[in-house]
Structure formats: structure tokens, C-alpha cells
Amino acid sequence: MLGHYNLLDTTLRLFKDDKEKQAVLNASSMGNLGASANSATAKEEVALWLDPAYNTYGITVRLREGTLARNKEAVELFGNRLFTYEAIAFHRWFNAICEEVEVGHSIASKQAEVGGYTVNLLVDNENKTVVFSIAATK
């Protein structure tokens, strides 16, 4: 994984390989940074992000063959830091959702409470993309 990442503002973007990283960086420099999730432009596999203005954290995963295996360590470290003692519950839910979407099962967007956080799950089944938006429960 060495070198297959990029830090953009408050988002750590993880790529399959250097070729994908260069394609995304080139698209970004050409003004395609705000392209939609279903766009044909190159995208990172996983984005670990935080939004300090709203005190929100998140994980965006574009599921392709091997995505979960390649990015398991980074996602687990991020989740462990956020959820501490409840991290195992989050990781089980995260993996179950990603595996279902990866094989093509349609999953509805939903919300769950994990520890002191509310996790909103947004799913784009057609493009096999999941977003876990995590905010402290008030």
C-alpha cells in the first residue's frame, strides 16, 4: 500500500495502485474533483474523512474485487480510534454491509447507534458504493 494514498484537506484517499492514484490526481487537477459517485471518472477505493465544522467522520467505500482486503487495516484503525470499546460491533456491521453490496444484494440506507455515535449508512447499490457517516450522538 506504500504510496497508494493521498491526503486532500481532511480526507485520506486510498487507491488500488499507483496507476489509479495518478488517474484520480490527474482528473482532480483537470477540474473533475467534484464529480459524482456514479461518474465514469477515476475514483479512489476508500476515503476516510472528517468534517470538523459538523464534528462528523466517515468512510466511503467503492466496492470492487479486493477492496475490503486491500484497505482492511486502514479502515480498522480508523474505526478503532473512533469507537474504542465498541469498535468490534462497528467492524462486524461494516463488513456485513460491504460484503452484501459487493456481491450485488440491494441494501437500503439506514441508521444505527454504535457506542456514543449515530452512524448513517448511505448505499448506492448500482455503483456498489457505501458511505458510513458517523456523528457523536447528542
Protein backbone atom coordinates (compact mmCIF):
# COMPACT_ATOMS: atom_id res chain seq x y z
CA MET A 1 0.00 0.00 0.00
CA LEU A 2 3.02 2.23 0.34
CA GLY A 3 2.40 5.33 -1.71
CA HIS A 4 -1.12 4.40 -2.78
CA TYR A 5 -2.76 7.13 -0.75
CA ASN A 6 -3.28 10.88 -0.86
CA LEU A 7 -4.29 13.38 1.82
CA LEU A 8 -6.65 16.04 0.49
CA ASP A 9 -7.77 18.55 3.12
CA THR A 10 -9.38 16.34 5.79
CA THR A 11 -9.77 13.25 3.60
CA LEU A 12 -7.36 10.34 3.35
CA ARG A 13 -7.91 8.73 -0.05
CA LEU A 14 -6.76 5.14 -0.57
CA PHE A 15 -6.11 3.74 -4.05
CA LYS A 16 -5.76 0.27 -5.53
CA ASP A 17 -2.36 1.08 -7.04
CA ASP A 18 -0.21 3.94 -8.30
CA LYS A 19 -1.88 3.86 -11.73
CA GLU A 20 -5.29 4.54 -10.16
CA LYS A 21 -3.81 7.21 -7.89
CA GLN A 22 -2.30 9.05 -10.85
CA ALA A 23 -5.59 8.83 -12.80
CA VAL A 24 -7.52 10.36 -9.88
CA LEU A 25 -4.94 13.07 -9.26
CA ASN A 26 -4.87 13.94 -12.96
CA ALA A 27 -8.69 14.12 -13.07
CA SER A 28 -8.64 16.32 -9.96
CA SER A 29 -6.13 18.69 -11.46
CA MET A 30 -8.31 18.98 -14.56
CA GLY A 31 -11.30 20.17 -12.52
CA ASN A 32 -13.14 16.86 -12.02
CA LEU A 33 -12.77 16.94 -8.25
CA GLY A 34 -16.49 17.28 -7.62
CA ALA A 35 -17.56 14.50 -9.97
CA SER A 36 -20.48 12.42 -8.76
CA ALA A 37 -20.12 8.92 -7.30
CA ASN A 38 -21.57 7.32 -10.43
CA SER A 39 -19.30 9.22 -12.77
CA ALA A 40 -17.00 7.35 -15.13
CA THR A 41 -14.04 9.38 -13.88
CA ALA A 42 -11.38 7.65 -11.83
CA LYS A 43 -12.10 7.41 -8.09
CA GLU A 44 -10.26 6.24 -5.00
CA GLU A 45 -11.30 2.91 -3.49
CA VAL A 46 -11.74 4.20 0.05
CA ALA A 47 -11.94 7.64 1.59
CA LEU A 48 -11.56 8.17 5.33
CA TRP A 49 -12.77 11.66 6.11
CA LEU A 50 -13.77 14.10 8.78
CA ASP A 51 -15.80 17.27 8.67
CA PRO A 52 -14.66 19.47 11.54
CA ALA A 53 -17.46 22.00 11.00
CA TYR A 54 -20.11 19.36 11.80
CA ASN A 55 -17.97 17.10 14.01
CA THR A 56 -18.68 14.24 11.61
CA TYR A 57 -16.45 11.40 10.47
CA GLY A 58 -16.91 9.00 7.62
CA ILE A 59 -15.83 6.11 5.48
CA THR A 60 -16.68 5.93 1.80
CA VAL A 61 -16.02 2.60 0.07
CA ARG A 62 -16.29 1.89 -3.65
CA LEU A 63 -16.55 -1.89 -3.67
CA ARG A 64 -14.58 -3.72 -6.31
CA GLU A 65 -12.79 -7.03 -6.21
CA GLY A 66 -10.30 -6.95 -3.35
CA THR A 67 -11.26 -3.52 -1.98
CA LEU A 68 -12.03 -4.76 1.53
CA ALA A 69 -8.86 -6.86 1.76
CA ARG A 70 -6.59 -4.09 0.46
CA ASN A 71 -7.99 -1.47 2.83
CA LYS A 72 -8.86 -3.54 5.91
CA GLU A 73 -6.03 -2.24 8.11
CA ALA A 74 -6.72 1.45 7.46
CA VAL A 75 -10.48 1.09 7.97
CA GLU A 76 -9.99 -0.91 11.18
CA LEU A 77 -7.53 1.61 12.62
CA PHE A 78 -9.94 4.47 11.82
CA GLY A 79 -12.88 2.61 13.35
CA ASN A 80 -10.89 1.54 16.41
CA ARG A 81 -9.90 5.13 17.11
CA LEU A 82 -13.50 6.36 16.84
CA PHE A 83 -15.41 3.58 18.55
CA THR A 84 -12.81 2.29 21.05
CA TYR A 85 -14.60 -0.44 23.05
CA GLU A 86 -17.49 -0.70 20.58
CA ALA A 87 -15.20 -0.99 17.53
CA ILE A 88 -15.82 -4.72 17.09
CA ALA A 89 -19.57 -4.09 16.74
CA PHE A 90 -18.96 -1.41 14.12
CA HIS A 91 -16.50 -3.57 12.17
CA ARG A 92 -18.90 -6.53 12.10
CA TRP A 93 -21.69 -4.30 10.77
CA PHE A 94 -19.35 -2.55 8.31
CA ASN A 95 -18.04 -5.85 6.91
CA ALA A 96 -21.51 -7.41 6.67
CA ILE A 97 -22.89 -4.42 4.75
CA CYS A 98 -19.90 -4.20 2.41
CA GLU A 99 -19.95 -7.93 1.66
CA GLU A 100 -23.68 -7.82 0.81
CA VAL A 101 -23.29 -4.82 -1.50
CA GLU A 102 -20.16 -6.27 -3.11
CA VAL A 103 -21.99 -9.44 -4.20
CA GLY A 104 -24.85 -7.39 -5.63
CA HIS A 105 -27.50 -7.62 -2.92
CA SER A 106 -29.60 -4.50 -2.64
CA ILE A 107 -29.26 -2.83 0.76
CA ALA A 108 -31.38 0.09 1.93
CA SER A 109 -29.82 3.11 3.55
CA LYS A 110 -30.27 3.01 7.33
CA GLN A 111 -29.13 4.38 10.65
CA ALA A 112 -27.61 2.66 13.68
CA GLU A 113 -26.31 3.61 17.11
CA VAL A 114 -22.81 2.35 17.89
CA GLY A 115 -21.41 3.39 21.24
CA GLY A 116 -21.79 7.14 21.54
CA TYR A 117 -22.20 7.63 17.79
CA THR A 118 -25.01 7.69 15.28
CA VAL A 119 -23.96 6.02 12.04
CA ASN A 120 -25.89 6.87 8.89
CA LEU A 121 -25.41 4.34 6.14
CA LEU A 122 -25.95 5.60 2.60
CA VAL A 123 -25.86 2.97 -0.14
CA ASP A 124 -25.56 3.34 -3.90
CA ASN A 125 -26.33 -0.27 -4.85
CA GLU A 126 -25.95 0.31 -8.58
CA ASN A 127 -22.38 1.61 -8.24
CA LYS A 128 -21.53 -0.59 -5.23
CA THR A 129 -20.64 2.40 -3.08
CA VAL A 130 -21.33 2.71 0.65
CA VAL A 131 -20.90 5.74 2.88
CA PHE A 132 -20.79 5.46 6.63
CA SER A 133 -21.36 8.94 8.10
CA ILE A 134 -20.53 8.97 11.79
CA ALA A 135 -21.56 11.70 14.26
CA ALA A 136 -21.48 11.90 18.02
CA THR A 137 -24.92 11.21 19.50
CA LYS A 138 -26.25 14.27 21.28
